[in-house]
């Protein structure tokens, strides 16, 4: 199985570190976020990894070369000409997953001990277009699922803004909103269904497809999870992950 680590972002919330470095190289107890997630994928049996790069791309490439991929075979998806966001980055990497019925994508700045094999197993049993890792944590932006645990929309809890097929439902009492963990298992079929181009969000892809294609949630609220997006979250991550 193959995986993609999304590492192209500017990481503006992690300044001042990201004024001179990519966020994927921020350190937690002596290991970069990138190294930790490469090794996390290894514990789940994944040793073929694609990493997309843009912001201080040369530093990520140098780190991978210096450490020989930390034992994994790592391929670079070069976005130095233009950052493509999550959706554009994944679409650009379609060639890498040609022979993979399904594959894992995760944000390089998320740390977790979620049993990745469990979400992969559920994806293979249910065969949705995508299986999205979610938790019940506090978040302003949440994905909304129906009683069958399939995606129907997106909601900004702070502003009340909503997107997706859920807008067509008069009775939303059976819907539940959860926070996306930035980790997903995708079917290779998704590439033939993406109509967006250039720079776009993968969440917008899911919202445009979920009326006609099954996209499910995988709850891992009992797992450790942290979005290492701010300087204070680096400190917290150091207390959570040895």
C-alpha atoms as a PDB file:
ATOM      1  CA  UNK A   1       0.000   0.000   0.000  1.00  0.00           C
ATOM      2  CA  UNK A   2       1.115   3.579  -0.670  1.00  0.00           C
ATOM      3  CA  UNK A   3       0.596   6.855   1.172  1.00  0.00           C
ATOM      4  CA  UNK A   4       0.922  10.584   0.615  1.00  0.00           C
ATOM      5  CA  UNK A   5       2.059  13.110   3.209  1.00  0.00           C
ATOM      6  CA  UNK A   6       0.858  16.652   2.545  1.00  0.00           C
ATOM      7  CA  UNK A   7       3.809  18.897   3.374  1.00  0.00           C
ATOM      8  CA  UNK A   8       3.547  21.792   0.913  1.00  0.00           C
ATOM      9  CA  UNK A   9       1.727  24.348   3.067  1.00  0.00           C
ATOM     10  CA  UNK A  10       3.127  27.637   4.339  1.00  0.00           C
ATOM     11  CA  UNK A  11       2.378  26.898   7.995  1.00  0.00           C
ATOM     12  CA  UNK A  12       1.673  30.542   8.811  1.00  0.00           C
ATOM     13  CA  UNK A  13       0.223  29.646  12.230  1.00  0.00           C
ATOM     14  CA  UNK A  14       3.575  28.134  13.178  1.00  0.00           C
ATOM     15  CA  UNK A  15       5.542  31.334  12.734  1.00  0.00           C
ATOM     16  CA  UNK A  16       8.253  32.365  13.481  1.00  0.00           C
ATOM     17  CA  UNK A  17       9.586  28.843  12.755  1.00  0.00           C
ATOM     18  CA  UNK A  18       7.982  28.748   9.311  1.00  0.00           C
ATOM     19  CA  UNK A  19       9.524  32.053   8.291  1.00  0.00           C
ATOM     20  CA  UNK A  20      12.704  30.081   7.681  1.00  0.00           C
ATOM     21  CA  UNK A  21      11.649  26.410   7.561  1.00  0.00           C
ATOM     22  CA  UNK A  22       8.774  24.210   6.347  1.00  0.00           C
ATOM     23  CA  UNK A  23       6.348  23.183   9.080  1.00  0.00           C
ATOM     24  CA  UNK A  24       6.964  19.502   8.303  1.00  0.00           C
ATOM     25  CA  UNK A  25      10.461  19.902   9.762  1.00  0.00           C
ATOM     26  CA  UNK A  26       9.277  21.336  13.092  1.00  0.00           C
ATOM     27  CA  UNK A  27      10.731  19.202  15.875  1.00  0.00           C
ATOM     28  CA  UNK A  28       8.949  17.217  18.576  1.00  0.00           C
ATOM     29  CA  UNK A  29      11.300  15.578  21.063  1.00  0.00           C
ATOM     30  CA  UNK A  30      14.183  15.520  18.612  1.00  0.00           C
ATOM     31  CA  UNK A  31      12.252  14.229  15.598  1.00  0.00           C
ATOM     32  CA  UNK A  32      10.625  16.269  12.843  1.00  0.00           C
ATOM     33  CA  UNK A  33       6.919  15.954  12.128  1.00  0.00           C
ATOM     34  CA  UNK A  34       7.846  14.474   8.756  1.00  0.00           C
ATOM     35  CA  UNK A  35      10.091  11.821  10.294  1.00  0.00           C
ATOM     36  CA  UNK A  36       7.462  10.930  12.877  1.00  0.00           C
ATOM     37  CA  UNK A  37       4.769  10.424  10.254  1.00  0.00           C
ATOM     38  CA  UNK A  38       7.039   8.419   7.943  1.00  0.00           C
ATOM     39  CA  UNK A  39       7.784   6.138  10.897  1.00  0.00           C
ATOM     40  CA  UNK A  40       4.092   6.075  11.868  1.00  0.00           C
ATOM     41  CA  UNK A  41       3.239   4.819   8.384  1.00  0.00           C
ATOM     42  CA  UNK A  42       5.957   2.181   8.749  1.00  0.00           C
ATOM     43  CA  UNK A  43       4.293   0.830  11.901  1.00  0.00           C
ATOM     44  CA  UNK A  44       1.201   0.339   9.753  1.00  0.00           C
ATOM     45  CA  UNK A  45       3.172  -1.524   7.060  1.00  0.00           C
ATOM     46  CA  UNK A  46       3.480   1.373   4.593  1.00  0.00           C
ATOM     47  CA  UNK A  47       6.964   2.028   3.212  1.00  0.00           C
ATOM     48  CA  UNK A  48       6.153   3.707  -0.118  1.00  0.00           C
ATOM     49  CA  UNK A  49       5.399   7.376   0.483  1.00  0.00           C
ATOM     50  CA  UNK A  50       4.900  10.440  -1.699  1.00  0.00           C
ATOM     51  CA  UNK A  51       5.619  13.849  -0.128  1.00  0.00           C
ATOM     52  CA  UNK A  52       4.474  17.050  -1.821  1.00  0.00           C
ATOM     53  CA  UNK A  53       6.657  20.127  -1.324  1.00  0.00           C
ATOM     54  CA  UNK A  54       6.444  23.877  -1.911  1.00  0.00           C
ATOM     55  CA  UNK A  55       7.402  26.090   1.050  1.00  0.00           C
ATOM     56  CA  UNK A  56      11.193  25.674   1.608  1.00  0.00           C
ATOM     57  CA  UNK A  57      10.961  22.555  -0.540  1.00  0.00           C
ATOM     58  CA  UNK A  58      14.733  22.168  -0.717  1.00  0.00           C
ATOM     59  CA  UNK A  59      14.933  21.706   3.067  1.00  0.00           C
ATOM     60  CA  UNK A  60      12.474  18.803   2.986  1.00  0.00           C
ATOM     61  CA  UNK A  61      14.280  17.166   0.073  1.00  0.00           C
ATOM     62  CA  UNK A  62      17.629  17.571   1.860  1.00  0.00           C
ATOM     63  CA  UNK A  63      16.276  16.043   5.089  1.00  0.00           C
ATOM     64  CA  UNK A  64      14.862  13.041   3.226  1.00  0.00           C
ATOM     65  CA  UNK A  65      18.119  12.495   1.366  1.00  0.00           C
ATOM     66  CA  UNK A  66      20.240  12.931   4.506  1.00  0.00           C
ATOM     67  CA  UNK A  67      18.245  10.350   6.433  1.00  0.00           C
ATOM     68  CA  UNK A  68      17.677   8.028   3.458  1.00  0.00           C
ATOM     69  CA  UNK A  69      13.931   8.349   3.854  1.00  0.00           C
ATOM     70  CA  UNK A  70      14.155   7.063   7.437  1.00  0.00           C
ATOM     71  CA  UNK A  71      13.949   3.581   5.950  1.00  0.00           C
ATOM     72  CA  UNK A  72      11.082   4.248   3.528  1.00  0.00           C
ATOM     73  CA  UNK A  73      11.122   4.789  -0.224  1.00  0.00           C
ATOM     74  CA  UNK A  74      10.060   8.432  -0.531  1.00  0.00           C
ATOM     75  CA  UNK A  75       9.100  10.148  -3.782  1.00  0.00           C
ATOM     76  CA  UNK A  76       8.792  13.927  -4.100  1.00  0.00           C
ATOM     77  CA  UNK A  77       5.842  15.672  -5.755  1.00  0.00           C
ATOM     78  CA  UNK A  78       7.252  19.073  -6.670  1.00  0.00           C
ATOM     79  CA  UNK A  79       4.827  21.990  -6.265  1.00  0.00           C
ATOM     80  CA  UNK A  80       7.460  24.722  -6.120  1.00  0.00           C
ATOM     81  CA  UNK A  81       5.895  26.536  -9.100  1.00  0.00           C
ATOM     82  CA  UNK A  82       2.551  26.907  -7.320  1.00  0.00           C
ATOM     83  CA  UNK A  83       1.078  25.516  -4.129  1.00  0.00           C
ATOM     84  CA  UNK A  84      -2.006  23.483  -5.041  1.00  0.00           C
ATOM     85  CA  UNK A  85      -3.744  22.995  -1.665  1.00  0.00           C
ATOM     86  CA  UNK A  86      -4.875  19.550  -0.593  1.00  0.00           C
ATOM     87  CA  UNK A  87      -7.072  18.672  -3.575  1.00  0.00           C
ATOM     88  CA  UNK A  88      -4.747  20.000  -6.245  1.00  0.00           C
ATOM     89  CA  UNK A  89      -1.801  18.315  -4.586  1.00  0.00           C
ATOM     90  CA  UNK A  90      -3.529  14.939  -4.461  1.00  0.00           C
ATOM     91  CA  UNK A  91      -4.702  15.243  -8.081  1.00  0.00           C
ATOM     92  CA  UNK A  92      -1.165  16.086  -9.225  1.00  0.00           C
ATOM     93  CA  UNK A  93      -0.023  12.858  -7.529  1.00  0.00           C
ATOM     94  CA  UNK A  94      -2.560  10.655  -9.334  1.00  0.00           C
ATOM     95  CA  UNK A  95       0.180   8.985 -11.394  1.00  0.00           C
ATOM     96  CA  UNK A  96       1.818   7.671  -8.221  1.00  0.00           C
ATOM     97  CA  UNK A  97      -1.296   5.717  -7.255  1.00  0.00           C
ATOM     98  CA  UNK A  98      -2.055   4.203 -10.686  1.00  0.00           C
ATOM     99  CA  UNK A  99      -1.609   0.644  -9.433  1.00  0.00           C
ATOM    100  CA  UNK A 100      -3.143   1.192  -5.971  1.00  0.00           C
ATOM    101  CA  UNK A 101      -6.847   0.324  -5.502  1.00  0.00           C
ATOM    102  CA  UNK A 102      -6.756   2.466  -2.362  1.00  0.00           C
ATOM    103  CA  UNK A 103      -4.193   4.691  -0.659  1.00  0.00           C
ATOM    104  CA  UNK A 104      -3.683   6.782   2.468  1.00  0.00           C
ATOM    105  CA  UNK A 105      -3.339  10.570   2.560  1.00  0.00           C
ATOM    106  CA  UNK A 106      -2.499  12.499   5.716  1.00  0.00           C
ATOM    107  CA  UNK A 107      -1.384  15.978   6.704  1.00  0.00           C
ATOM    108  CA  UNK A 108       2.271  16.027   7.684  1.00  0.00           C
ATOM    109  CA  UNK A 109       1.509  18.256  10.684  1.00  0.00           C
ATOM    110  CA  UNK A 110      -0.954  15.849  12.322  1.00  0.00           C
ATOM    111  CA  UNK A 111       0.355  13.437  14.945  1.00  0.00           C
ATOM    112  CA  UNK A 112      -1.708  10.449  16.039  1.00  0.00           C
ATOM    113  CA  UNK A 113      -1.521   6.903  17.328  1.00  0.00           C
ATOM    114  CA  UNK A 114      -4.730   5.949  15.505  1.00  0.00           C
ATOM    115  CA  UNK A 115      -4.670   2.313  14.322  1.00  0.00           C
ATOM    116  CA  UNK A 116      -4.350   3.070  10.618  1.00  0.00           C
ATOM    117  CA  UNK A 117      -4.803  -0.597   9.737  1.00  0.00           C
ATOM    118  CA  UNK A 118      -8.310  -0.406  11.211  1.00  0.00           C
ATOM    119  CA  UNK A 119      -9.436   2.441   8.962  1.00  0.00           C
ATOM    120  CA  UNK A 120      -7.906   0.691   5.938  1.00  0.00           C
ATOM    121  CA  UNK A 121      -9.729  -2.532   6.856  1.00  0.00           C
ATOM    122  CA  UNK A 122     -13.045  -0.707   7.222  1.00  0.00           C
ATOM    123  CA  UNK A 123     -12.494   1.037   3.889  1.00  0.00           C
ATOM    124  CA  UNK A 124     -11.906  -2.311   2.187  1.00  0.00           C
ATOM    125  CA  UNK A 125     -15.035  -3.796   3.764  1.00  0.00           C
ATOM    126  CA  UNK A 126     -17.353  -0.892   2.919  1.00  0.00           C
ATOM    127  CA  UNK A 127     -15.701   0.158  -0.373  1.00  0.00           C
ATOM    128  CA  UNK A 128     -16.712   3.846  -0.234  1.00  0.00           C
ATOM    129  CA  UNK A 129     -15.094   6.456  -2.427  1.00  0.00           C
ATOM    130  CA  UNK A 130     -13.267   7.724   0.659  1.00  0.00           C
ATOM    131  CA  UNK A 131     -13.077   6.992   4.379  1.00  0.00           C
ATOM    132  CA  UNK A 132     -12.319  10.055   6.510  1.00  0.00           C
ATOM    133  CA  UNK A 133     -10.799   9.844   9.990  1.00  0.00           C
ATOM    134  CA  UNK A 134     -12.826  11.945  12.435  1.00  0.00           C
ATOM    135  CA  UNK A 135     -13.083  12.703  16.156  1.00  0.00           C
ATOM    136  CA  UNK A 136     -15.570  14.420  18.441  1.00  0.00           C
ATOM    137  CA  UNK A 137     -13.096  17.152  19.444  1.00  0.00           C
ATOM    138  CA  UNK A 138     -13.906  20.864  19.470  1.00  0.00           C
ATOM    139  CA  UNK A 139     -13.458  22.531  16.085  1.00  0.00           C
ATOM    140  CA  UNK A 140     -15.064  25.468  14.314  1.00  0.00           C
ATOM    141  CA  UNK A 141     -15.148  23.587  11.016  1.00  0.00           C
ATOM    142  CA  UNK A 142     -16.853  20.215  10.976  1.00  0.00           C
ATOM    143  CA  UNK A 143     -18.019  17.589   8.517  1.00  0.00           C
ATOM    144  CA  UNK A 144     -21.640  16.488   8.760  1.00  0.00           C
ATOM    145  CA  UNK A 145     -22.749  12.865   8.373  1.00  0.00           C
ATOM    146  CA  UNK A 146     -26.197  11.261   8.245  1.00  0.00           C
ATOM    147  CA  UNK A 147     -27.608   8.235  10.094  1.00  0.00           C
ATOM    148  CA  UNK A 148     -25.841   5.895   7.669  1.00  0.00           C
ATOM    149  CA  UNK A 149     -22.529   7.593   8.525  1.00  0.00           C
ATOM    150  CA  UNK A 150     -22.157   9.017   5.022  1.00  0.00           C
ATOM    151  CA  UNK A 151     -21.066  12.561   4.304  1.00  0.00           C
ATOM    152  CA  UNK A 152     -23.821  15.094   3.613  1.00  0.00           C
ATOM    153  CA  UNK A 153     -22.141  18.431   4.267  1.00  0.00           C
ATOM    154  CA  UNK A 154     -19.816  20.838   6.025  1.00  0.00           C
ATOM    155  CA  UNK A 155     -20.543  23.376   8.728  1.00  0.00           C
ATOM    156  CA  UNK A 156     -18.733  26.323  10.282  1.00  0.00           C
ATOM    157  CA  UNK A 157     -19.889  26.112  13.897  1.00  0.00           C
ATOM    158  CA  UNK A 158     -18.855  29.698  14.565  1.00  0.00           C
ATOM    159  CA  UNK A 159     -20.606  31.426  11.646  1.00  0.00           C
ATOM    160  CA  UNK A 160     -23.338  28.891  10.893  1.00  0.00           C
ATOM    161  CA  UNK A 161     -22.271  28.624   7.238  1.00  0.00           C
ATOM    162  CA  UNK A 162     -23.137  25.277   5.653  1.00  0.00           C
ATOM    163  CA  UNK A 163     -22.215  23.552   2.396  1.00  0.00           C
ATOM    164  CA  UNK A 164     -23.207  20.339   0.646  1.00  0.00           C
ATOM    165  CA  UNK A 165     -26.337  18.215   0.062  1.00  0.00           C
ATOM    166  CA  UNK A 166     -27.400  18.695   3.688  1.00  0.00           C
ATOM    167  CA  UNK A 167     -28.786  22.077   2.592  1.00  0.00           C
ATOM    168  CA  UNK A 168     -31.551  20.231   0.739  1.00  0.00           C
ATOM    169  CA  UNK A 169     -32.781  18.480   3.888  1.00  0.00           C
ATOM    170  CA  UNK A 170     -35.486  20.126   5.927  1.00  0.00           C
ATOM    171  CA  UNK A 171     -34.988  17.787   8.896  1.00  0.00           C
ATOM    172  CA  UNK A 172     -31.370  17.695  10.016  1.00  0.00           C
ATOM    173  CA  UNK A 173     -31.993  16.244  13.472  1.00  0.00           C
ATOM    174  CA  UNK A 174     -30.412  12.922  12.590  1.00  0.00           C
ATOM    175  CA  UNK A 175     -27.201  14.487  11.282  1.00  0.00           C
ATOM    176  CA  UNK A 176     -24.064  14.644  13.406  1.00  0.00           C
ATOM    177  CA  UNK A 177     -21.083  16.941  13.003  1.00  0.00           C
ATOM    178  CA  UNK A 178     -17.520  15.787  13.709  1.00  0.00           C
ATOM    179  CA  UNK A 179     -14.024  17.161  13.199  1.00  0.00           C
ATOM    180  CA  UNK A 180     -11.882  15.865  10.322  1.00  0.00           C
ATOM    181  CA  UNK A 181      -8.457  14.594  11.372  1.00  0.00           C
ATOM    182  CA  UNK A 182      -6.645  15.272   8.099  1.00  0.00           C
ATOM    183  CA  UNK A 183      -6.239  11.522   7.542  1.00  0.00           C
ATOM    184  CA  UNK A 184      -8.105   9.623   4.832  1.00  0.00           C
ATOM    185  CA  UNK A 185      -8.179   6.447   2.781  1.00  0.00           C
ATOM    186  CA  UNK A 186      -9.138   7.063  -0.831  1.00  0.00           C
ATOM    187  CA  UNK A 187     -10.273   4.820  -3.641  1.00  0.00           C
ATOM    188  CA  UNK A 188      -8.268   5.214  -6.827  1.00  0.00           C
ATOM    189  CA  UNK A 189     -11.611   5.812  -8.595  1.00  0.00           C
ATOM    190  CA  UNK A 190     -11.746   9.328  -7.186  1.00  0.00           C
ATOM    191  CA  UNK A 191      -9.300  10.656  -9.774  1.00  0.00           C
ATOM    192  CA  UNK A 192     -11.752  10.061 -12.619  1.00  0.00           C
ATOM    193  CA  UNK A 193     -14.440  11.991 -10.708  1.00  0.00           C
ATOM    194  CA  UNK A 194     -12.551  15.146  -9.757  1.00  0.00           C
ATOM    195  CA  UNK A 195     -13.687  18.054 -11.939  1.00  0.00           C
ATOM    196  CA  UNK A 196     -11.706  20.778 -10.176  1.00  0.00           C
ATOM    197  CA  UNK A 197      -8.313  21.895 -11.449  1.00  0.00           C
ATOM    198  CA  UNK A 198      -5.396  23.993 -10.258  1.00  0.00           C
ATOM    199  CA  UNK A 199      -5.552  25.026  -6.613  1.00  0.00           C
ATOM    200  CA  UNK A 200      -8.473  23.561  -4.639  1.00  0.00           C
ATOM    201  CA  UNK A 201      -9.422  21.894  -1.371  1.00  0.00           C
ATOM    202  CA  UNK A 202     -10.056  18.163  -1.061  1.00  0.00           C
ATOM    203  CA  UNK A 203     -12.994  18.942   1.231  1.00  0.00           C
ATOM    204  CA  UNK A 204     -14.644  20.776  -1.682  1.00  0.00           C
ATOM    205  CA  UNK A 205     -14.140  17.641  -3.799  1.00  0.00           C
ATOM    206  CA  UNK A 206     -15.847  15.502  -1.180  1.00  0.00           C
ATOM    207  CA  UNK A 207     -18.755  17.952  -0.904  1.00  0.00           C
ATOM    208  CA  UNK A 208     -19.213  18.004  -4.670  1.00  0.00           C
ATOM    209  CA  UNK A 209     -19.268  14.197  -4.877  1.00  0.00           C
ATOM    210  CA  UNK A 210     -21.046  13.059  -1.718  1.00  0.00           C
ATOM    211  CA  UNK A 211     -24.582  13.377  -3.143  1.00  0.00           C
ATOM    212  CA  UNK A 212     -23.845  10.603  -5.644  1.00  0.00           C
ATOM    213  CA  UNK A 213     -20.929   8.729  -4.054  1.00  0.00           C
ATOM    214  CA  UNK A 214     -20.453   7.247  -0.604  1.00  0.00           C
ATOM    215  CA  UNK A 215     -17.934   8.978   1.641  1.00  0.00           C
ATOM    216  CA  UNK A 216     -17.844   7.635   5.196  1.00  0.00           C
ATOM    217  CA  UNK A 217     -16.416   8.565   8.589  1.00  0.00           C
ATOM    218  CA  UNK A 218     -14.093   6.507  10.776  1.00  0.00           C
ATOM    219  CA  UNK A 219     -14.296   7.618  14.398  1.00  0.00           C
ATOM    220  CA  UNK A 220     -11.050   7.430  16.361  1.00  0.00           C
ATOM    221  CA  UNK A 221     -11.950   9.694  19.257  1.00  0.00           C
ATOM    222  CA  UNK A 222     -10.184   7.324  21.668  1.00  0.00           C
ATOM    223  CA  UNK A 223      -6.827   7.839  19.931  1.00  0.00           C
ATOM    224  CA  UNK A 224      -4.203  10.477  20.553  1.00  0.00           C
ATOM    225  CA  UNK A 225      -4.379  13.280  17.985  1.00  0.00           C
ATOM    226  CA  UNK A 226      -2.896  16.736  17.719  1.00  0.00           C
ATOM    227  CA  UNK A 227      -2.747  19.310  14.945  1.00  0.00           C
ATOM    228  CA  UNK A 228       0.743  20.749  15.327  1.00  0.00           C
ATOM    229  CA  UNK A 229      -0.147  24.073  13.771  1.00  0.00           C
ATOM    230  CA  UNK A 230       0.920  26.565  16.433  1.00  0.00           C
ATOM    231  CA  UNK A 231       4.049  27.031  18.594  1.00  0.00           C
ATOM    232  CA  UNK A 232       2.104  26.053  21.727  1.00  0.00           C
ATOM    233  CA  UNK A 233       0.895  22.855  20.065  1.00  0.00           C
ATOM    234  CA  UNK A 234       4.524  21.856  19.530  1.00  0.00           C
ATOM    235  CA  UNK A 235       4.989  22.016  23.290  1.00  0.00           C
ATOM    236  CA  UNK A 236       1.825  20.021  23.899  1.00  0.00           C
ATOM    237  CA  UNK A 237       2.825  17.426  21.286  1.00  0.00           C
ATOM    238  CA  UNK A 238       6.104  16.896  23.151  1.00  0.00           C
ATOM    239  CA  UNK A 239       4.118  15.806  26.218  1.00  0.00           C
ATOM    240  CA  UNK A 240       1.935  13.441  24.166  1.00  0.00           C
ATOM    241  CA  UNK A 241       4.492  11.759  21.906  1.00  0.00           C
ATOM    242  CA  UNK A 242       7.812  10.536  23.270  1.00  0.00           C
END
